[in-house]
Amino acid sequence: MLFNLFNSMPSVSTKELEAKLTEKPQIIDVREPNEFIAGHIPGAKNVPLRKAESYAPKGKVYVICQSGARSKRAATILKSKGYDVVNVKGGMSAWSGPTRGGKL
């Protein structure tokens, strides 16, 4: 079952997400707080992976982490609960758009 959920996971590139920033998409960053503080996408909410299971997004949510591994896990958890989830491929390592906080 998880394999099927993982294979059907919608995803976008960091460039595609950057193009959507004017629409103010709901973004959760599943990195640890110290990583988030160091630099994150403007408007993103920090929901560390360990708290993803209890997070209840409203509407479509984009999930990002540092490289894409944790965001895939979090997105799979949220999708299995019925939420509209999009994984951001490449994570903050691939992000070249605007950030808040320190430099990554």
PDB file of N, CA and C in Angstrom:
ATOM      1  N   MET A   1       0.823  -1.202   0.000  1.00  0.00           N
ATOM      2  CA  MET A   1       0.000   0.000   0.000  1.00  0.00           C
ATOM      3  C   MET A   1       0.868   1.267   0.000  1.00  0.00           C
ATOM      4  N   LEU A   2       1.851   1.353   0.899  1.00  0.00           N
ATOM      5  CA  LEU A   2       2.715   2.532   0.921  1.00  0.00           C
ATOM      6  C   LEU A   2       3.445   2.721  -0.393  1.00  0.00           C
ATOM      7  N   PHE A   3       3.842   1.615  -1.013  1.00  0.00           N
ATOM      8  CA  PHE A   3       4.539   1.708  -2.289  1.00  0.00           C
ATOM      9  C   PHE A   3       3.662   2.417  -3.314  1.00  0.00           C
ATOM     10  N   ASN A   4       2.373   2.070  -3.358  1.00  0.00           N
ATOM     11  CA  ASN A   4       1.455   2.716  -4.296  1.00  0.00           C
ATOM     12  C   ASN A   4       1.269   4.191  -3.966  1.00  0.00           C
ATOM     13  N   LEU A   5       1.179   4.506  -2.689  1.00  0.00           N
ATOM     14  CA  LEU A   5       1.046   5.912  -2.303  1.00  0.00           C
ATOM     15  C   LEU A   5       2.271   6.706  -2.725  1.00  0.00           C
ATOM     16  N   PHE A   6       3.448   6.113  -2.526  1.00  0.00           N
ATOM     17  CA  PHE A   6       4.693   6.791  -2.862  1.00  0.00           C
ATOM     18  C   PHE A   6       4.788   7.026  -4.365  1.00  0.00           C
ATOM     19  N   ASN A   7       4.424   6.004  -5.155  1.00  0.00           N
ATOM     20  CA  ASN A   7       4.504   6.135  -6.607  1.00  0.00           C
ATOM     21  C   ASN A   7       3.541   7.181  -7.146  1.00  0.00           C
ATOM     22  N   SER A   8       2.406   7.365  -6.492  1.00  0.00           N
ATOM     23  CA  SER A   8       1.411   8.304  -7.001  1.00  0.00           C
ATOM     24  C   SER A   8       1.540   9.691  -6.366  1.00  0.00           C
ATOM     25  N   MET A   9       2.630   9.930  -5.672  1.00  0.00           N
ATOM     26  CA  MET A   9       2.814  11.207  -4.990  1.00  0.00           C
ATOM     27  C   MET A   9       3.052  12.335  -5.995  1.00  0.00           C
ATOM     28  N   PRO A  10       2.159  13.315  -6.045  1.00  0.00           N
ATOM     29  CA  PRO A  10       2.418  14.467  -6.912  1.00  0.00           C
ATOM     30  C   PRO A  10       3.675  15.190  -6.438  1.00  0.00           C
ATOM     31  N   SER A  11       4.441  15.710  -7.372  1.00  0.00           N
ATOM     32  CA  SER A  11       5.647  16.443  -6.998  1.00  0.00           C
ATOM     33  C   SER A  11       5.875  17.599  -7.958  1.00  0.00           C
ATOM     34  N   VAL A  12       6.623  18.581  -7.469  1.00  0.00           N
ATOM     35  CA  VAL A  12       7.013  19.729  -8.284  1.00  0.00           C
ATOM     36  C   VAL A  12       8.497  19.978  -8.051  1.00  0.00           C
ATOM     37  N   SER A  13       9.105  20.663  -8.993  1.00  0.00           N
ATOM     38  CA  SER A  13      10.499  21.078  -8.818  1.00  0.00           C
ATOM     39  C   SER A  13      10.513  22.349  -7.974  1.00  0.00           C
ATOM     40  N   THR A  14      11.681  22.714  -7.502  1.00  0.00           N
ATOM     41  CA  THR A  14      11.795  23.956  -6.737  1.00  0.00           C
ATOM     42  C   THR A  14      11.458  25.160  -7.619  1.00  0.00           C
ATOM     43  N   LYS A  15      11.802  25.098  -8.895  1.00  0.00           N
ATOM     44  CA  LYS A  15      11.474  26.196  -9.824  1.00  0.00           C
ATOM     45  C   LYS A  15       9.962  26.328  -9.983  1.00  0.00           C
ATOM     46  N   GLU A  16       9.259  25.180 -10.074  1.00  0.00           N
ATOM     47  CA  GLU A  16       7.799  25.222 -10.197  1.00  0.00           C
ATOM     48  C   GLU A  16       7.168  25.823  -8.943  1.00  0.00           C
ATOM     49  N   LEU A  17       7.687  25.460  -7.776  1.00  0.00           N
ATOM     50  CA  LEU A  17       7.153  26.034  -6.539  1.00  0.00           C
ATOM     51  C   LEU A  17       7.454  27.529  -6.471  1.00  0.00           C
ATOM     52  N   GLU A  18       8.649  27.919  -6.860  1.00  0.00           N
ATOM     53  CA  GLU A  18       9.010  29.340  -6.842  1.00  0.00           C
ATOM     54  C   GLU A  18       8.041  30.154  -7.698  1.00  0.00           C
ATOM     55  N   ALA A  19       7.632  29.607  -8.841  1.00  0.00           N
ATOM     56  CA  ALA A  19       6.693  30.300  -9.727  1.00  0.00           C
ATOM     57  C   ALA A  19       5.314  30.459  -9.087  1.00  0.00           C
ATOM     58  N   LYS A  20       4.985  29.625  -8.109  1.00  0.00           N
ATOM     59  CA  LYS A  20       3.686  29.680  -7.439  1.00  0.00           C
ATOM     60  C   LYS A  20       3.683  30.585  -6.202  1.00  0.00           C
ATOM     61  N   LEU A  21       4.826  31.124  -5.809  1.00  0.00           N
ATOM     62  CA  LEU A  21       4.899  31.911  -4.573  1.00  0.00           C
ATOM     63  C   LEU A  21       3.943  33.097  -4.557  1.00  0.00           C
ATOM     64  N   THR A  22       3.663  33.689  -5.712  1.00  0.00           N
ATOM     65  CA  THR A  22       2.739  34.827  -5.752  1.00  0.00           C
ATOM     66  C   THR A  22       1.322  34.407  -5.365  1.00  0.00           C
ATOM     67  N   GLU A  23       1.011  33.109  -5.500  1.00  0.00           N
ATOM     68  CA  GLU A  23      -0.313  32.588  -5.123  1.00  0.00           C
ATOM     69  C   GLU A  23      -0.383  32.260  -3.631  1.00  0.00           C
ATOM     70  N   LYS A  24       0.728  32.472  -2.908  1.00  0.00           N
ATOM     71  CA  LYS A  24       0.833  32.183  -1.479  1.00  0.00           C
ATOM     72  C   LYS A  24       0.411  30.748  -1.146  1.00  0.00           C
ATOM     73  N   PRO A  25       1.088  29.769  -1.736  1.00  0.00           N
ATOM     74  CA  PRO A  25       0.744  28.372  -1.453  1.00  0.00           C
ATOM     75  C   PRO A  25       1.073  28.012  -0.003  1.00  0.00           C
ATOM     76  N   GLN A  26       0.375  27.012   0.523  1.00  0.00           N
ATOM     77  CA  GLN A  26       0.676  26.506   1.862  1.00  0.00           C
ATOM     78  C   GLN A  26       1.906  25.602   1.742  1.00  0.00           C
ATOM     79  N   ILE A  27       2.974  25.963   2.433  1.00  0.00           N
ATOM     80  CA  ILE A  27       4.230  25.209   2.382  1.00  0.00           C
ATOM     81  C   ILE A  27       4.598  24.803   3.795  1.00  0.00           C
ATOM     82  N   ILE A  28       4.893  23.507   3.979  1.00  0.00           N
ATOM     83  CA  ILE A  28       5.454  23.095   5.260  1.00  0.00           C
ATOM     84  C   ILE A  28       6.872  22.603   5.022  1.00  0.00           C
ATOM     85  N   ASP A  29       7.738  23.020   5.903  1.00  0.00           N
ATOM     86  CA  ASP A  29       9.155  22.670   5.859  1.00  0.00           C
ATOM     87  C   ASP A  29       9.377  21.684   6.995  1.00  0.00           C
ATOM     88  N   VAL A  30       9.708  20.430   6.660  1.00  0.00           N
ATOM     89  CA  VAL A  30       9.786  19.375   7.669  1.00  0.00           C
ATOM     90  C   VAL A  30      11.189  19.189   8.252  1.00  0.00           C
ATOM     91  N   ARG A  31      12.065  20.163   8.021  1.00  0.00           N
ATOM     92  CA  ARG A  31      13.392  20.107   8.640  1.00  0.00           C
ATOM     93  C   ARG A  31      13.278  20.452  10.126  1.00  0.00           C
ATOM     94  N   GLU A  32      14.339  20.221  10.845  1.00  0.00           N
ATOM     95  CA  GLU A  32      14.383  20.562  12.269  1.00  0.00           C
ATOM     96  C   GLU A  32      14.416  22.088  12.422  1.00  0.00           C
ATOM     97  N   PRO A  33      13.952  22.607  13.570  1.00  0.00           N
ATOM     98  CA  PRO A  33      13.884  24.060  13.763  1.00  0.00           C
ATOM     99  C   PRO A  33      15.189  24.806  13.490  1.00  0.00           C
ATOM    100  N   ASN A  34      16.326  24.242  13.893  1.00  0.00           N
ATOM    101  CA  ASN A  34      17.595  24.942  13.650  1.00  0.00           C
ATOM    102  C   ASN A  34      17.893  25.051  12.156  1.00  0.00           C
ATOM    103  N   GLU A  35      17.489  24.058  11.369  1.00  0.00           N
ATOM    104  CA  GLU A  35      17.670  24.116   9.915  1.00  0.00           C
ATOM    105  C   GLU A  35      16.739  25.169   9.316  1.00  0.00           C
ATOM    106  N   PHE A  36      15.498  25.192   9.793  1.00  0.00           N
ATOM    107  CA  PHE A  36      14.493  26.136   9.317  1.00  0.00           C
ATOM    108  C   PHE A  36      14.938  27.575   9.582  1.00  0.00           C
ATOM    109  N   ILE A  37      15.422  27.839  10.797  1.00  0.00           N
ATOM    110  CA  ILE A  37      15.869  29.187  11.176  1.00  0.00           C
ATOM    111  C   ILE A  37      17.033  29.647  10.301  1.00  0.00           C
ATOM    112  N   ALA A  38      17.872  28.704   9.898  1.00  0.00           N
ATOM    113  CA  ALA A  38      19.040  29.043   9.073  1.00  0.00           C
ATOM    114  C   ALA A  38      18.636  29.599   7.713  1.00  0.00           C
ATOM    115  N   GLY A  39      17.446  29.268   7.226  1.00  0.00           N
ATOM    116  CA  GLY A  39      16.953  29.781   5.955  1.00  0.00           C
ATOM    117  C   GLY A  39      15.790  28.957   5.464  1.00  0.00           C
ATOM    118  N   HIS A  40      14.694  29.638   5.106  1.00  0.00           N
ATOM    119  CA  HIS A  40      13.500  28.935   4.640  1.00  0.00           C
ATOM    120  C   HIS A  40      12.742  29.793   3.627  1.00  0.00           C
ATOM    121  N   ILE A  41      11.811  29.177   2.941  1.00  0.00           N
ATOM    122  CA  ILE A  41      10.983  29.869   1.954  1.00  0.00           C
ATOM    123  C   ILE A  41      10.031  30.813   2.694  1.00  0.00           C
ATOM    124  N   PRO A  42       9.902  32.060   2.239  1.00  0.00           N
ATOM    125  CA  PRO A  42       8.974  32.991   2.885  1.00  0.00           C
ATOM    126  C   PRO A  42       7.563  32.393   2.942  1.00  0.00           C
ATOM    127  N   GLY A  43       6.945  32.458   4.103  1.00  0.00           N
ATOM    128  CA  GLY A  43       5.589  31.949   4.279  1.00  0.00           C
ATOM    129  C   GLY A  43       5.517  30.479   4.664  1.00  0.00           C
ATOM    130  N   ALA A  44       6.640  29.770   4.607  1.00  0.00           N
ATOM    131  CA  ALA A  44       6.644  28.351   4.977  1.00  0.00           C
ATOM    132  C   ALA A  44       6.457  28.205   6.479  1.00  0.00           C
ATOM    133  N   LYS A  45       5.786  27.126   6.870  1.00  0.00           N
ATOM    134  CA  LYS A  45       5.591  26.812   8.281  1.00  0.00           C
ATOM    135  C   LYS A  45       6.502  25.648   8.633  1.00  0.00           C
ATOM    136  N   ASN A  46       7.176  25.726   9.762  1.00  0.00           N
ATOM    137  CA  ASN A  46       8.061  24.646  10.200  1.00  0.00           C
ATOM    138  C   ASN A  46       7.257  23.587  10.953  1.00  0.00           C
ATOM    139  N   VAL A  47       7.183  22.395  10.362  1.00  0.00           N
ATOM    140  CA  VAL A  47       6.548  21.232  10.979  1.00  0.00           C
ATOM    141  C   VAL A  47       7.559  20.094  10.858  1.00  0.00           C
ATOM    142  N   PRO A  48       8.439  19.929  11.856  1.00  0.00           N
ATOM    143  CA  PRO A  48       9.456  18.880  11.757  1.00  0.00           C
ATOM    144  C   PRO A  48       8.842  17.517  11.442  1.00  0.00           C
ATOM    145  N   LEU A  49       9.587  16.695  10.723  1.00  0.00           N
ATOM    146  CA  LEU A  49       9.099  15.381  10.300  1.00  0.00           C
ATOM    147  C   LEU A  49       8.459  14.617  11.452  1.00  0.00           C
ATOM    148  N   ARG A  50       9.054  14.660  12.625  1.00  0.00           N
ATOM    149  CA  ARG A  50       8.524  13.910  13.766  1.00  0.00           C
ATOM    150  C   ARG A  50       7.126  14.372  14.187  1.00  0.00           C
ATOM    151  N   LYS A  51       6.693  15.565  13.721  1.00  0.00           N
ATOM    152  CA  LYS A  51       5.367  16.084  14.054  1.00  0.00           C
ATOM    153  C   LYS A  51       4.402  16.017  12.870  1.00  0.00           C
ATOM    154  N   ALA A  52       4.863  15.514  11.744  1.00  0.00           N
ATOM    155  CA  ALA A  52       4.038  15.500  10.530  1.00  0.00           C
ATOM    156  C   ALA A  52       2.761  14.692  10.700  1.00  0.00           C
ATOM    157  N   GLU A  53       2.841  13.598  11.439  1.00  0.00           N
ATOM    158  CA  GLU A  53       1.672  12.735  11.614  1.00  0.00           C
ATOM    159  C   GLU A  53       0.504  13.465  12.273  1.00  0.00           C
ATOM    160  N   SER A  54       0.787  14.423  13.136  1.00  0.00           N
ATOM    161  CA  SER A  54      -0.280  15.135  13.836  1.00  0.00           C
ATOM    162  C   SER A  54      -0.669  16.444  13.150  1.00  0.00           C
ATOM    163  N   TYR A  55      -0.016  16.790  12.046  1.00  0.00           N
ATOM    164  CA  TYR A  55      -0.317  18.036  11.340  1.00  0.00           C
ATOM    165  C   TYR A  55      -1.556  17.852  10.471  1.00  0.00           C
ATOM    166  N   ALA A  56      -2.438  18.840  10.466  1.00  0.00           N
ATOM    167  CA  ALA A  56      -3.671  18.770   9.680  1.00  0.00           C
ATOM    168  C   ALA A  56      -3.764  19.988   8.763  1.00  0.00           C
ATOM    169  N   PRO A  57      -3.212  19.885   7.547  1.00  0.00           N
ATOM    170  CA  PRO A  57      -3.272  21.025   6.628  1.00  0.00           C
ATOM    171  C   PRO A  57      -4.688  21.271   6.125  1.00  0.00           C
ATOM    172  N   LYS A  58      -4.945  22.507   5.732  1.00  0.00           N
ATOM    173  CA  LYS A  58      -6.226  22.864   5.113  1.00  0.00           C
ATOM    174  C   LYS A  58      -5.938  23.140   3.648  1.00  0.00           C
ATOM    175  N   GLY A  59      -6.472  22.313   2.768  1.00  0.00           N
ATOM    176  CA  GLY A  59      -6.229  22.479   1.343  1.00  0.00           C
ATOM    177  C   GLY A  59      -4.897  21.892   0.921  1.00  0.00           C
ATOM    178  N   LYS A  60      -4.494  22.219  -0.298  1.00  0.00           N
ATOM    179  CA  LYS A  60      -3.247  21.686  -0.853  1.00  0.00           C
ATOM    180  C   LYS A  60      -2.051  22.197  -0.072  1.00  0.00           C
ATOM    181  N   VAL A  61      -1.101  21.291   0.188  1.00  0.00           N
ATOM    182  CA  VAL A  61       0.108  21.664   0.920  1.00  0.00           C
ATOM    183  C   VAL A  61       1.335  21.136   0.182  1.00  0.00           C
ATOM    184  N   TYR A  62       2.341  21.995   0.069  1.00  0.00           N
ATOM    185  CA  TYR A  62       3.628  21.627  -0.527  1.00  0.00           C
ATOM    186  C   TYR A  62       4.571  21.297   0.621  1.00  0.00           C
ATOM    187  N   VAL A  63       5.291  20.183   0.496  1.00  0.00           N
ATOM    188  CA  VAL A  63       6.169  19.713   1.571  1.00  0.00           C
ATOM    189  C   VAL A  63       7.614  19.752   1.089  1.00  0.00           C
ATOM    190  N   ILE A  64       8.477  20.414   1.872  1.00  0.00           N
ATOM    191  CA  ILE A  64       9.885  20.554   1.501  1.00  0.00           C
ATOM    192  C   ILE A  64      10.771  20.224   2.698  1.00  0.00           C
ATOM    193  N   CYS A  65      11.989  19.791   2.422  1.00  0.00           N
ATOM    194  CA  CYS A  65      13.005  19.556   3.459  1.00  0.00           C
ATOM    195  C   CYS A  65      14.343  20.017   2.884  1.00  0.00           C
ATOM    196  N   GLN A  66      15.442  19.448   3.320  1.00  0.00           N
ATOM    197  CA  GLN A  66      16.743  19.864   2.801  1.00  0.00           C
ATOM    198  C   GLN A  66      17.047  19.253   1.441  1.00  0.00           C
ATOM    199  N   SER A  67      16.802  17.938   1.290  1.00  0.00           N
ATOM    200  CA  SER A  67      17.182  17.258   0.047  1.00  0.00           C
ATOM    201  C   SER A  67      16.023  16.588  -0.675  1.00  0.00           C
ATOM    202  N   GLY A  68      14.915  16.383   0.004  1.00  0.00           N
ATOM    203  CA  GLY A  68      13.770  15.706  -0.589  1.00  0.00           C
ATOM    204  C   GLY A  68      13.411  14.400   0.088  1.00  0.00           C
ATOM    205  N   ALA A  69      14.305  13.833   0.891  1.00  0.00           N
ATOM    206  CA  ALA A  69      14.042  12.543   1.533  1.00  0.00           C
ATOM    207  C   ALA A  69      12.998  12.660   2.650  1.00  0.00           C
ATOM    208  N   ARG A  70      13.187  13.597   3.558  1.00  0.00           N
ATOM    209  CA  ARG A  70      12.226  13.760   4.662  1.00  0.00           C
ATOM    210  C   ARG A  70      10.879  14.250   4.149  1.00  0.00           C
ATOM    211  N   SER A  71      10.899  15.114   3.136  1.00  0.00           N
ATOM    212  CA  SER A  71       9.623  15.614   2.615  1.00  0.00           C
ATOM    213  C   SER A  71       8.824  14.489   1.968  1.00  0.00           C
ATOM    214  N   LYS A  72       9.499  13.548   1.312  1.00  0.00           N
ATOM    215  CA  LYS A  72       8.787  12.397   0.739  1.00  0.00           C
ATOM    216  C   LYS A  72       8.123  11.584   1.837  1.00  0.00           C
ATOM    217  N   ARG A  73       8.844  11.371   2.942  1.00  0.00           N
ATOM    218  CA  ARG A  73       8.267  10.604   4.053  1.00  0.00           C
ATOM    219  C   ARG A  73       7.074  11.338   4.651  1.00  0.00           C
ATOM    220  N   ALA A  74       7.221  12.638   4.884  1.00  0.00           N
ATOM    221  CA  ALA A  74       6.123  13.420   5.455  1.00  0.00           C
ATOM    222  C   ALA A  74       4.935  13.470   4.499  1.00  0.00           C
ATOM    223  N   ALA A  75       5.206  13.660   3.217  1.00  0.00           N
ATOM    224  CA  ALA A  75       4.132  13.717   2.223  1.00  0.00           C
ATOM    225  C   ALA A  75       3.384  12.392   2.165  1.00  0.00           C
ATOM    226  N   THR A  76       4.102  11.290   2.257  1.00  0.00           N
ATOM    227  CA  THR A  76       3.469   9.969   2.249  1.00  0.00           C
ATOM    228  C   THR A  76       2.560   9.809   3.463  1.00  0.00           C
ATOM    229  N   ILE A  77       3.022  10.247   4.625  1.00  0.00           N
ATOM    230  CA  ILE A  77       2.210  10.179   5.848  1.00  0.00           C
ATOM    231  C   ILE A  77       0.933  10.996   5.670  1.00  0.00           C
ATOM    232  N   LEU A  78       1.073  12.238   5.210  1.00  0.00           N
ATOM    233  CA  LEU A  78      -0.092  13.118   5.057  1.00  0.00           C
ATOM    234  C   LEU A  78      -1.043  12.614   3.977  1.00  0.00           C
ATOM    235  N   LYS A  79      -0.497  12.121   2.870  1.00  0.00           N
ATOM    236  CA  LYS A  79      -1.344  11.598   1.791  1.00  0.00           C
ATOM    237  C   LYS A  79      -2.133  10.386   2.272  1.00  0.00           C
ATOM    238  N   SER A  80      -1.504   9.531   3.091  1.00  0.00           N
ATOM    239  CA  SER A  80      -2.200   8.341   3.600  1.00  0.00           C
ATOM    240  C   SER A  80      -3.367   8.725   4.507  1.00  0.00           C
ATOM    241  N   LYS A  81      -3.333   9.947   5.043  1.00  0.00           N
ATOM    242  CA  LYS A  81      -4.420  10.451   5.882  1.00  0.00           C
ATOM    243  C   LYS A  81      -5.463  11.209   5.059  1.00  0.00           C
ATOM    244  N   GLY A  82      -5.262  11.258   3.738  1.00  0.00           N
ATOM    245  CA  GLY A  82      -6.255  11.850   2.855  1.00  0.00           C
ATOM    246  C   GLY A  82      -6.023  13.300   2.467  1.00  0.00           C
ATOM    247  N   TYR A  83      -4.888  13.872   2.836  1.00  0.00           N
ATOM    248  CA  TYR A  83      -4.622  15.268   2.511  1.00  0.00           C
ATOM    249  C   TYR A  83      -4.099  15.427   1.087  1.00  0.00           C
ATOM    250  N   ASP A  84      -4.320  16.619   0.516  1.00  0.00           N
ATOM    251  CA  ASP A  84      -3.848  16.974  -0.826  1.00  0.00           C
ATOM    252  C   ASP A  84      -2.412  17.479  -0.683  1.00  0.00           C
ATOM    253  N   VAL A  85      -1.462  16.621  -1.037  1.00  0.00           N
ATOM    254  CA  VAL A  85      -0.049  16.872  -0.754  1.00  0.00           C
ATOM    255  C   VAL A  85       0.781  16.861  -2.030  1.00  0.00           C
ATOM    256  N   VAL A  86       1.749  17.781  -2.109  1.00  0.00           N
ATOM    257  CA  VAL A  86       2.693  17.828  -3.226  1.00  0.00           C
ATOM    258  C   VAL A  86       4.101  17.863  -2.633  1.00  0.00           C
ATOM    259  N   ASN A  87       4.935  16.915  -3.030  1.00  0.00           N
ATOM    260  CA  ASN A  87       6.321  16.874  -2.574  1.00  0.00           C
ATOM    261  C   ASN A  87       7.169  17.803  -3.444  1.00  0.00           C
ATOM    262  N   VAL A  88       8.100  18.525  -2.818  1.00  0.00           N
ATOM    263  CA  VAL A  88       9.005  19.413  -3.552  1.00  0.00           C
ATOM    264  C   VAL A  88      10.328  18.674  -3.747  1.00  0.00           C
ATOM    265  N   LYS A  89      10.607  18.312  -5.002  1.00  0.00           N
ATOM    266  CA  LYS A  89      11.811  17.543  -5.338  1.00  0.00           C
ATOM    267  C   LYS A  89      13.072  18.385  -5.162  1.00  0.00           C
ATOM    268  N   GLY A  90      14.089  17.776  -4.576  1.00  0.00           N
ATOM    269  CA  GLY A  90      15.381  18.447  -4.428  1.00  0.00           C
ATOM    270  C   GLY A  90      15.528  19.262  -3.166  1.00  0.00           C
ATOM    271  N   GLY A  91      14.415  19.643  -2.558  1.00  0.00           N
ATOM    272  CA  GLY A  91      14.441  20.368  -1.296  1.00  0.00           C
ATOM    273  C   GLY A  91      15.172  21.704  -1.344  1.00  0.00           C
ATOM    274  N   MET A  92      15.508  22.191  -0.165  1.00  0.00           N
ATOM    275  CA  MET A  92      16.181  23.485  -0.055  1.00  0.00           C
ATOM    276  C   MET A  92      17.564  23.463  -0.690  1.00  0.00           C
ATOM    277  N   SER A  93      18.160  22.296  -0.835  1.00  0.00           N
ATOM    278  CA  SER A  93      19.460  22.204  -1.521  1.00  0.00           C
ATOM    279  C   SER A  93      19.351  22.665  -2.966  1.00  0.00           C
ATOM    280  N   ALA A  94      18.168  22.473  -3.571  1.00  0.00           N
ATOM    281  CA  ALA A  94      17.952  22.864  -4.963  1.00  0.00           C
ATOM    282  C   ALA A  94      17.259  24.225  -5.081  1.00  0.00           C
ATOM    283  N   TRP A  95      16.838  24.800  -3.968  1.00  0.00           N
ATOM    284  CA  TRP A  95      16.083  26.058  -3.970  1.00  0.00           C
ATOM    285  C   TRP A  95      16.993  27.235  -4.288  1.00  0.00           C
ATOM    286  N   SER A  96      16.599  28.052  -5.267  1.00  0.00           N
ATOM    287  CA  SER A  96      17.366  29.258  -5.586  1.00  0.00           C
ATOM    288  C   SER A  96      16.499  30.507  -5.468  1.00  0.00           C
ATOM    289  N   GLY A  97      15.281  30.322  -4.965  1.00  0.00           N
ATOM    290  CA  GLY A  97      14.367  31.444  -4.802  1.00  0.00           C
ATOM    291  C   GLY A  97      14.634  32.210  -3.518  1.00  0.00           C
ATOM    292  N   PRO A  98      13.720  33.126  -3.172  1.00  0.00           N
ATOM    293  CA  PRO A  98      13.903  33.943  -1.976  1.00  0.00           C
ATOM    294  C   PRO A  98      13.847  33.106  -0.704  1.00  0.00           C
ATOM    295  N   THR A  99      14.593  33.544   0.304  1.00  0.00           N
ATOM    296  CA  THR A  99      14.570  32.876   1.609  1.00  0.00           C
ATOM    297  C   THR A  99      14.464  33.914   2.718  1.00  0.00           C
ATOM    298  N   ARG A 100      14.032  33.446   3.866  1.00  0.00           N
ATOM    299  CA  ARG A 100      14.021  34.232   5.101  1.00  0.00           C
ATOM    300  C   ARG A 100      14.982  33.538   6.051  1.00  0.00           C
ATOM    301  N   GLY A 101      15.573  34.279   6.945  1.00  0.00           N
ATOM    302  CA  GLY A 101      16.526  33.696   7.886  1.00  0.00           C
ATOM    303  C   GLY A 101      17.920  33.755   7.295  1.00  0.00           C
ATOM    304  N   GLY A 102      18.787  32.899   7.786  1.00  0.00           N
ATOM    305  CA  GLY A 102      20.169  32.879   7.320  1.00  0.00           C
ATOM    306  C   GLY A 102      20.309  32.291   5.933  1.00  0.00           C
ATOM    307  N   LYS A 103      21.493  32.293   5.426  1.00  0.00           N
ATOM    308  CA  LYS A 103      21.784  31.709   4.115  1.00  0.00           C
ATOM    309  C   LYS A 103      21.968  30.208   4.243  1.00  0.00           C
ATOM    310  N   LEU A 104      21.482  29.480   3.267  1.00  0.00           N
ATOM    311  CA  LEU A 104      21.663  28.020   3.255  1.00  0.00           C
ATOM    312  C   LEU A 104      22.883  27.668   2.462  1.00  0.00           C
TER     313      LEU A 104
END
